[in-house]
Protein backbone atom coordinates (compact mmCIF):
# COMPACT_ATOMS: atom_id res chain seq x y z
CA MET A 1 -16.19 -8.20 10.36
CA PRO A 2 -12.38 -7.49 10.23
CA VAL A 3 -10.28 -6.47 7.27
CA VAL A 4 -7.17 -8.58 6.81
CA VAL A 5 -4.15 -6.95 5.12
CA THR A 6 -1.42 -9.20 3.65
CA GLY A 7 1.61 -7.53 2.21
CA SER A 8 5.13 -6.31 2.76
CA ILE A 9 6.42 -4.93 6.04
CA ALA A 10 9.70 -3.08 5.75
CA THR A 11 11.87 -0.24 6.94
CA ASP A 12 13.42 2.49 4.79
CA HIS A 13 16.85 3.82 5.58
CA LEU A 14 17.44 7.03 3.61
CA MET A 15 20.80 8.84 3.53
CA THR A 16 22.03 12.05 1.87
CA PHE A 17 25.53 12.43 0.36
CA PRO A 18 26.63 16.14 0.24
CA GLY A 19 28.36 15.72 -3.14
CA ARG A 20 27.95 14.00 -6.47
CA PHE A 21 28.51 10.26 -6.97
CA THR A 22 29.94 10.86 -10.46
CA GLU A 23 32.78 12.99 -9.03
CA GLN A 24 34.01 9.80 -7.23
CA PHE A 25 34.21 7.68 -10.42
CA VAL A 26 37.58 7.15 -12.07
CA ASP A 27 37.73 6.83 -15.84
CA GLY A 28 38.79 3.40 -16.91
CA GLN A 29 38.20 1.87 -13.50
CA MET A 30 34.52 1.15 -13.68
CA GLU A 31 35.14 -2.59 -13.79
CA ASN A 32 36.85 -2.46 -10.39
CA VAL A 33 34.60 -0.22 -8.33
CA SER A 34 35.12 0.12 -4.56
CA LEU A 35 33.63 3.26 -3.24
CA SER A 36 32.68 4.62 0.17
CA PHE A 37 30.57 7.70 0.70
CA LEU A 38 30.52 9.70 3.95
CA VAL A 39 26.85 10.75 4.37
CA ASP A 40 25.63 13.64 6.50
CA ASP A 41 22.07 12.52 7.17
CA LEU A 42 20.21 9.27 8.04
CA VAL A 43 16.48 9.00 8.32
CA GLN A 44 14.60 5.75 9.13
CA HIS A 45 10.98 5.33 8.26
CA ARG A 46 8.53 2.51 8.77
CA GLY A 47 7.13 1.23 5.51
CA GLY A 48 6.03 -1.70 3.43
CA ALA A 49 2.77 -1.63 1.49
CA GLY A 50 0.92 -3.98 3.80
CA ALA A 51 1.89 -2.13 6.93
CA ASN A 52 1.17 1.23 5.32
CA MET A 53 -2.41 0.20 4.43
CA ALA A 54 -2.95 -1.32 7.89
CA TYR A 55 -1.74 1.90 9.50
CA GLY A 56 -4.29 3.95 7.60
CA LEU A 57 -7.10 1.59 8.42
CA GLY A 58 -6.03 1.71 12.03
CA LEU A 59 -6.32 5.52 12.05
CA LEU A 60 -9.82 5.13 10.68
CA GLY A 61 -10.76 2.84 13.55
CA LEU A 62 -11.07 -0.46 11.65
CA ALA A 63 -8.57 -2.45 13.76
CA PRO A 64 -7.21 -4.27 10.70
CA VAL A 65 -5.39 -7.53 10.95
CA LEU A 66 -1.87 -7.36 9.46
CA VAL A 67 -0.47 -10.52 7.95
CA GLY A 68 3.19 -10.62 6.88
CA SER A 69 6.66 -11.89 7.79
CA VAL A 70 9.15 -9.88 9.88
CA GLY A 71 12.46 -10.44 11.72
CA SER A 72 13.55 -10.18 15.35
CA ASP A 73 14.17 -6.44 14.87
CA PHE A 74 10.41 -5.78 14.50
CA ALA A 75 9.67 -5.13 18.20
CA ASP A 76 9.62 -1.28 18.07
CA TYR A 77 7.69 -1.25 14.77
CA ASP A 78 5.27 -3.76 16.25
CA ALA A 79 4.59 -1.48 19.17
CA TRP A 80 4.09 1.48 16.86
CA LEU A 81 1.44 -0.30 14.75
CA THR A 82 -0.28 -1.64 17.83
CA ARG A 83 -0.54 1.87 19.28
CA HIS A 84 -2.21 2.97 16.05
CA GLY A 85 -4.94 0.39 16.12
CA VAL A 86 -3.39 -2.46 14.05
CA ASP A 87 -3.79 -6.07 15.12
CA THR A 88 -0.30 -7.60 14.62
CA ARG A 89 -0.94 -10.94 16.26
CA SER A 90 -0.95 -12.74 12.91
CA VAL A 91 2.42 -11.38 11.84
CA ARG A 92 5.02 -14.08 11.50
CA TRP A 93 8.41 -13.57 13.16
CA SER A 94 11.36 -15.20 11.36
CA GLU A 95 14.00 -16.85 13.50
CA LEU A 96 16.71 -16.42 10.81
CA LYS A 97 16.24 -13.16 8.92
CA HIS A 98 15.75 -9.42 9.60
CA THR A 99 12.69 -7.43 8.52
CA ALA A 100 12.83 -6.38 4.87
CA ARG A 101 14.88 -3.22 4.39
CA PHE A 102 15.33 -0.56 1.71
CA VAL A 103 18.56 1.37 1.91
CA CYS A 104 19.08 4.40 -0.36
CA THR A 105 21.66 7.14 -0.59
CA THR A 106 20.82 10.29 -2.61
CA ASP A 107 23.47 12.80 -3.83
CA GLN A 108 23.08 16.56 -4.58
CA SER A 109 21.98 15.83 -8.15
CA ASN A 110 19.23 13.47 -6.88
CA ASN A 111 21.15 10.45 -8.22
CA GLN A 112 20.50 7.42 -6.03
CA ILE A 113 22.31 4.20 -5.05
CA ALA A 114 19.89 1.86 -3.44
CA SER A 115 19.56 -1.77 -2.26
CA PHE A 116 16.59 -3.81 -1.18
CA TYR A 117 16.95 -6.67 1.30
CA SER A 118 13.84 -8.88 1.20
CA GLY A 119 14.82 -10.67 4.41
CA ALA A 120 11.92 -12.14 6.31
CA MET A 121 9.52 -11.13 3.57
CA ALA A 122 10.80 -14.10 1.59
CA GLU A 123 9.21 -16.39 4.22
CA ALA A 124 5.71 -14.83 3.86
CA SER A 125 4.63 -17.81 1.71
CA GLN A 126 4.74 -19.98 4.83
CA ILE A 127 1.78 -18.04 6.29
CA GLU A 128 -1.62 -19.72 6.00
CA LEU A 129 -4.77 -17.60 6.13
CA ALA A 130 -7.09 -20.23 7.63
CA PRO A 131 -5.57 -20.04 11.16
CA VAL A 132 -5.91 -16.26 10.99
CA VAL A 133 -9.58 -16.54 10.15
CA ASP A 134 -10.05 -19.15 12.91
CA ARG A 135 -8.84 -16.51 15.38
CA ILE A 136 -10.67 -13.45 14.11
CA GLY A 137 -13.79 -14.82 12.35
CA ALA A 138 -14.78 -14.52 8.75
CA PRO A 139 -13.08 -11.45 7.18
CA ASP A 140 -15.00 -8.67 5.48
CA LEU A 141 -12.12 -8.41 2.98
CA VAL A 142 -8.59 -9.81 2.51
CA VAL A 143 -6.17 -7.36 0.79
CA VAL A 144 -3.56 -9.22 -1.14
CA GLY A 145 -0.92 -6.48 -1.40
CA PRO A 146 2.62 -6.52 -2.88
CA ASN A 147 4.66 -9.15 -1.07
CA ASP A 148 6.76 -12.17 -1.75
CA PRO A 149 5.34 -13.43 -5.11
CA THR A 150 4.76 -16.97 -3.88
CA ALA A 151 2.87 -15.59 -0.86
CA MET A 152 0.64 -13.40 -3.10
CA VAL A 153 -0.34 -16.41 -5.24
CA ARG A 154 -0.93 -18.61 -2.20
CA HIS A 155 -3.10 -16.04 -0.40
CA THR A 156 -5.11 -15.34 -3.55
CA GLN A 157 -5.82 -19.00 -4.04
CA GLU A 158 -6.72 -19.47 -0.36
CA CYS A 159 -9.27 -16.68 -0.72
CA ARG A 160 -10.82 -18.40 -3.72
CA ASP A 161 -10.84 -21.81 -2.18
CA LEU A 162 -12.24 -20.67 1.21
CA GLY A 163 -14.60 -18.02 -0.09
CA TYR A 164 -12.97 -14.92 1.38
CA PRO A 165 -13.67 -11.77 -0.60
CA PHE A 166 -10.35 -10.29 -1.66
CA ALA A 167 -8.79 -7.13 -3.08
CA ALA A 168 -5.96 -7.50 -5.63
CA ASP A 169 -3.17 -4.95 -5.22
CA PRO A 170 -0.21 -6.32 -7.19
CA SER A 171 1.36 -2.83 -7.42
CA GLN A 172 5.14 -2.88 -8.15
CA GLN A 173 5.15 -6.69 -8.57
CA LEU A 174 3.42 -6.16 -11.93
CA ALA A 175 6.77 -5.03 -13.36
CA TRP A 176 8.39 -8.47 -13.28
CA ALA A 177 5.38 -10.85 -13.04
CA ASP A 178 4.34 -12.70 -16.22
CA GLY A 179 0.85 -12.60 -17.72
CA GLU A 180 -0.21 -15.93 -16.26
CA MET A 181 0.63 -14.85 -12.74
CA ILE A 182 -1.08 -11.50 -13.11
CA ARG A 183 -4.18 -13.14 -14.45
CA ASP A 184 -4.17 -15.51 -11.46
CA LEU A 185 -3.78 -12.64 -8.95
CA VAL A 186 -6.60 -10.59 -10.49
CA THR A 187 -9.34 -13.07 -11.43
CA GLY A 188 -12.19 -13.12 -8.99
CA ALA A 189 -11.11 -10.07 -6.99
CA GLU A 190 -13.82 -7.94 -5.44
CA LEU A 191 -11.50 -4.92 -5.82
CA LEU A 192 -8.54 -4.26 -8.07
CA PHE A 193 -6.19 -1.39 -7.37
CA THR A 194 -3.71 0.01 -9.85
CA ASN A 195 -2.13 3.38 -10.83
CA GLU A 196 -2.25 4.45 -14.55
CA TYR A 197 1.10 2.92 -15.37
CA GLU A 198 0.24 -0.33 -13.62
CA ALA A 199 -3.12 -0.47 -15.37
CA ALA A 200 -1.39 -0.19 -18.80
CA LEU A 201 1.17 -2.82 -17.75
CA LEU A 202 -1.59 -5.14 -16.57
CA LEU A 203 -3.37 -4.94 -19.91
CA GLN A 204 -0.15 -5.39 -21.84
CA LYS A 205 0.99 -8.46 -19.95
CA THR A 206 -2.41 -10.25 -19.66
CA GLY A 207 -3.46 -9.52 -23.19
CA TRP A 208 -6.88 -8.47 -21.77
CA THR A 209 -8.90 -5.42 -22.74
CA ALA A 210 -10.21 -3.17 -19.98
CA ASP A 211 -13.64 -4.72 -20.49
CA GLU A 212 -12.14 -8.19 -20.06
CA VAL A 213 -10.55 -7.10 -16.78
CA LEU A 214 -13.85 -5.73 -15.58
CA ALA A 215 -15.57 -9.02 -16.43
CA ARG A 216 -13.26 -10.69 -13.90
CA VAL A 217 -13.29 -8.21 -11.01
CA GLY A 218 -16.01 -6.34 -9.08
CA THR A 219 -14.53 -2.87 -9.00
CA TRP A 220 -11.32 -1.48 -10.63
CA VAL A 221 -9.84 1.58 -8.92
CA THR A 222 -7.13 3.44 -10.78
CA THR A 223 -5.23 6.37 -9.29
CA ARG A 224 -4.20 9.14 -11.67
CA ALA A 225 -2.04 11.45 -9.48
CA ALA A 226 -3.28 15.05 -9.71
CA GLU A 227 -6.10 14.03 -12.04
CA GLY A 228 -7.78 12.08 -9.23
CA ILE A 229 -9.22 8.58 -9.27
CA LEU A 230 -11.08 6.58 -11.84
CA VAL A 231 -13.49 3.82 -10.65
CA ARG A 232 -14.92 1.36 -13.10
CA ARG A 233 -17.47 -1.46 -12.90
CA ALA A 234 -18.76 -3.70 -15.69
CA GLY A 235 -21.84 -2.32 -17.33
CA GLU A 236 -21.71 1.02 -15.51
CA GLU A 237 -20.52 4.55 -16.35
CA PRO A 238 -17.01 5.25 -14.98
CA LEU A 239 -16.80 7.33 -11.84
CA SER A 240 -14.15 10.09 -11.67
CA VAL A 241 -13.30 11.67 -8.34
CA ILE A 242 -10.94 14.68 -7.86
CA ALA A 243 -7.81 14.61 -5.83
CA VAL A 244 -8.13 16.64 -2.72
CA PRO A 245 -5.84 19.69 -3.20
CA GLU A 246 -2.56 19.47 -1.31
CA THR A 247 -1.57 22.40 0.92
CA LYS A 248 2.04 21.38 1.20
CA PRO A 249 2.92 18.33 -0.92
CA VAL A 250 6.16 16.81 0.36
CA GLU A 251 6.49 13.16 -0.62
CA PRO A 252 4.22 11.06 -2.91
CA THR A 253 5.48 7.78 -1.52
CA GLY A 254 2.72 6.05 0.40
CA GLY A 255 -0.11 8.05 -1.06
CA GLY A 256 -1.45 5.05 -2.93
CA ASP A 257 -1.46 2.93 0.20
CA ALA A 258 -3.30 5.60 2.16
CA LEU A 259 -5.86 5.91 -0.65
CA ARG A 260 -6.55 2.20 -0.51
CA ALA A 261 -7.01 2.40 3.24
CA GLY A 262 -9.58 5.20 2.90
CA PHE A 263 -11.49 3.48 0.08
CA ILE A 264 -11.57 0.18 1.87
CA ALA A 265 -12.72 1.85 5.09
CA GLY A 266 -15.54 3.53 3.28
CA ARG A 267 -16.74 0.36 1.70
CA THR A 268 -16.50 -1.46 5.01
CA TRP A 269 -18.67 1.19 6.62
CA GLY A 270 -21.28 0.64 3.90
CA LEU A 271 -20.61 3.96 2.04
CA GLY A 272 -21.20 4.16 -1.70
CA LEU A 273 -18.54 4.04 -4.34
CA GLU A 274 -18.33 7.76 -4.76
CA ARG A 275 -18.09 8.59 -1.04
CA SER A 276 -15.57 5.76 -0.45
CA THR A 277 -13.40 7.09 -3.28
CA GLN A 278 -13.58 10.62 -1.86
CA LEU A 279 -12.51 9.30 1.50
CA GLY A 280 -9.53 7.51 -0.13
CA SER A 281 -8.62 10.72 -1.89
CA ALA A 282 -8.74 12.74 1.34
CA VAL A 283 -6.59 10.21 3.29
CA ALA A 284 -4.05 10.06 0.45
CA THR A 285 -3.64 13.85 0.48
CA ALA A 286 -2.95 13.76 4.20
CA ALA A 287 -0.30 11.09 3.66
CA VAL A 288 1.68 12.95 0.97
CA GLU A 289 1.88 16.15 3.01
CA VAL A 290 4.44 14.63 5.37
CA ILE A 291 7.70 12.72 4.94
CA GLY A 292 7.26 9.09 5.79
CA THR A 293 4.47 6.77 4.81
CA GLN A 294 3.22 6.36 8.42
CA GLU A 295 3.79 9.85 9.79
CA TYR A 296 0.45 11.38 8.95
CA ASP A 297 -2.51 11.67 11.25
CA LEU A 298 -6.21 12.33 10.68
CA PRO A 299 -7.41 14.86 13.33
CA ARG A 300 -11.20 14.56 13.16
CA ALA A 301 -12.12 18.24 13.02
CA SER A 302 -9.52 19.48 10.49
CA PHE A 303 -9.93 16.34 8.35
CA LEU A 304 -13.69 16.77 8.09
CA GLU A 305 -13.28 20.49 7.37
CA ARG A 306 -10.97 19.76 4.36
CA PHE A 307 -13.33 16.99 3.28
CA ALA A 308 -16.26 19.40 3.24
CA GLU A 309 -14.32 21.98 1.29
CA ALA A 310 -13.54 19.37 -1.40
CA PHE A 311 -16.75 17.40 -1.54
CA GLY A 312 -19.45 19.38 0.33
CA ALA A 313 -21.00 19.44 3.82
CA ASP A 314 -23.41 16.56 3.20
CA ALA A 315 -20.57 14.28 2.11
CA ALA A 316 -18.58 15.25 5.16
CA ASP A 317 -21.53 14.53 7.41
CA GLU A 318 -21.85 11.02 5.95
CA VAL A 319 -18.25 10.31 6.61
CA ALA A 320 -18.35 11.87 10.10
CA ALA A 321 -20.87 9.32 11.24
CA HIS A 322 -18.14 6.69 11.02
CA LEU A 323 -14.92 8.47 11.88
CA PRO A 324 -13.43 7.72 15.33
CA GLY A 325 -12.76 10.40 17.90
């Protein structure tokens, strides 16, 4: 059965200013700012949490179904995802807006000036899951990733009403959502994904204890950067899995999305919690060793070699039985 991934689809436009923003400010004129910076570098990356997770699942051979809203400028991005095994036929194309876009300029002191244009993502709430399921059949899992807030609530409720198992991945949307919305997004989830900061924020805003969260979800996966991953289930001892050592860490952005892809792939293949978490850790490490959230690859031989070094030959053999290639 297919995995459906709902979530943001965006592009990142990253520029470098060979100076310092503060040198351009004029004392006493901060109420009338009109500045222009000549940048010397522009890099564009494909991104968006939903698309990032779908990309990772595609590399692992799961042919995920991506659900999100994009603009007429999505054609090249669409072709990229399709080439990497993602089913994009349920992506909604807006007639009025461009694909969501993050634009950021960084100066020599690592100060940043950034803007986010939600664009077509704001129309994601118009997407209904039932027609998607009519096309592909009953899903193994629906991932409700960070997206337009109304869309996240709608897709979560659809999963409950129609009986689709779902994973809650509210991610950065936890920062502004209130407790009621967070409780609604989490309750009944088969999987809940957070990092350490998001886990603390979730508890603070919902007023729940960790045990009360676990009473409402099947499995809670929390990433802890270099300390690895913590997996908790109600009534069971917590599982802690190491982070696969990085050979050349470059950019942490996208590591969490890659981890989710690996973990979900493992569970979809029928692997146990420990092995699935190890797979997520290994995929995340591959992702953070390159610049760009969809620039990593998973060459079968070298990936399994590193997996065996981290978790043992038997674990690698178990994963190898499912890896494509």
